Protein backbone atom coordinates (compact mmCIF):
# COMPACT_ATOMS: atom_id res chain seq x y z
CA MET A 1 -37.85 29.37 20.90
CA ILE A 2 -39.87 27.45 18.41
CA ASN A 3 -43.51 27.67 18.71
CA GLU A 4 -46.38 25.07 17.98
CA HIS A 5 -47.56 25.10 14.26
CA GLU A 6 -44.27 26.82 13.14
CA ARG A 7 -42.31 25.24 10.29
CA VAL A 8 -38.80 23.88 11.12
CA VAL A 9 -35.89 22.57 9.12
CA LEU A 10 -34.48 19.21 9.78
CA THR A 11 -30.68 19.60 10.66
CA GLN A 12 -29.74 16.06 10.33
CA SER A 13 -31.03 13.16 8.15
CA VAL A 14 -33.29 10.53 9.57
CA PRO A 15 -32.76 7.50 7.14
CA ASP A 16 -35.57 5.18 8.79
CA SER A 17 -38.07 7.74 7.80
CA GLY A 18 -36.71 8.80 4.41
CA LEU A 19 -35.83 12.15 5.59
CA GLU A 20 -32.98 14.23 4.86
CA ALA A 21 -31.26 17.28 6.42
CA GLY A 22 -33.08 20.37 4.95
CA ASP A 23 -36.63 18.82 4.90
CA VAL A 24 -39.26 21.09 6.30
CA GLY A 25 -41.89 20.01 8.90
CA THR A 26 -44.34 21.50 11.15
CA VAL A 27 -44.38 21.46 14.89
CA VAL A 28 -47.33 19.78 16.36
CA HIS A 29 -46.29 19.47 19.96
CA ILE A 30 -43.50 20.98 22.23
CA TYR A 31 -42.02 18.69 25.00
CA LYS A 32 -40.39 20.07 28.18
CA ASP A 33 -40.02 23.80 27.22
CA GLY A 34 -38.41 23.04 23.74
CA GLU A 35 -36.12 20.25 24.77
CA ALA A 36 -37.91 18.18 22.01
CA TYR A 37 -40.59 18.63 19.41
CA GLU A 38 -43.27 16.39 17.61
CA VAL A 39 -42.81 17.28 14.11
CA GLU A 40 -45.05 16.35 11.12
CA PHE A 41 -43.51 16.17 7.72
CA VAL A 42 -45.97 16.27 4.73
CA THR A 43 -45.52 15.87 1.14
CA LEU A 44 -46.27 18.69 -1.18
CA ASP A 45 -49.83 17.05 -2.13
CA GLY A 46 -50.70 16.94 1.64
CA HIS A 47 -49.88 13.36 2.60
CA THR A 48 -48.14 12.85 6.03
CA ALA A 49 -44.81 11.33 5.37
CA ALA A 50 -43.76 11.01 8.91
CA VAL A 51 -44.48 12.26 12.42
CA LEU A 52 -41.28 12.30 14.61
CA THR A 53 -40.19 13.14 17.99
CA LEU A 54 -37.08 15.19 17.58
CA GLU A 55 -34.48 16.73 19.91
CA ALA A 56 -34.24 20.51 19.70
CA ALA A 57 -30.66 20.02 18.10
CA GLN A 58 -32.23 17.92 15.33
CA VAL A 59 -34.29 21.16 13.97
CA ARG A 60 -33.95 24.62 13.48
CA PRO A 61 -36.50 27.55 12.69
CA VAL A 62 -37.17 28.46 9.19
CA SER A 63 -34.95 31.72 8.20
CA ARG A 64 -35.64 34.41 5.78
CA ARG A 65 -32.98 32.99 3.42
CA ASP A 66 -34.49 29.55 3.05
CA ILE A 67 -36.07 28.36 -0.11
CA THR A 68 -38.32 25.58 -0.95
CA HIS A 69 -36.73 22.46 -2.95
CA THR A 70 -38.36 19.41 -3.88
CA ARG A 71 -37.21 15.86 -4.09
CA GLU A 72 -38.88 12.48 -4.26
CA LEU A 73 -39.37 10.61 -0.87
CA SER A 74 -37.68 7.36 -0.60
CA VAL A 75 -38.12 5.53 2.41
CA ALA A 76 -35.58 2.82 3.47
């Protein structure tokens, strides 16, 4: 189970928010025992890029083999 304040990885792109699969966010709220999550995505300089409600299938926990990568955010 994913807990509040844990980082998660987006498993599918959300074009309307400019987010791509692989982007990392932080869980700020858990709905219905983990059926959905409120996730905040933040730029590396600390500005909120998006806060989204996502279904459990749209995110996964960060793993030991994940590495940070950077790209420029572009919102449609």
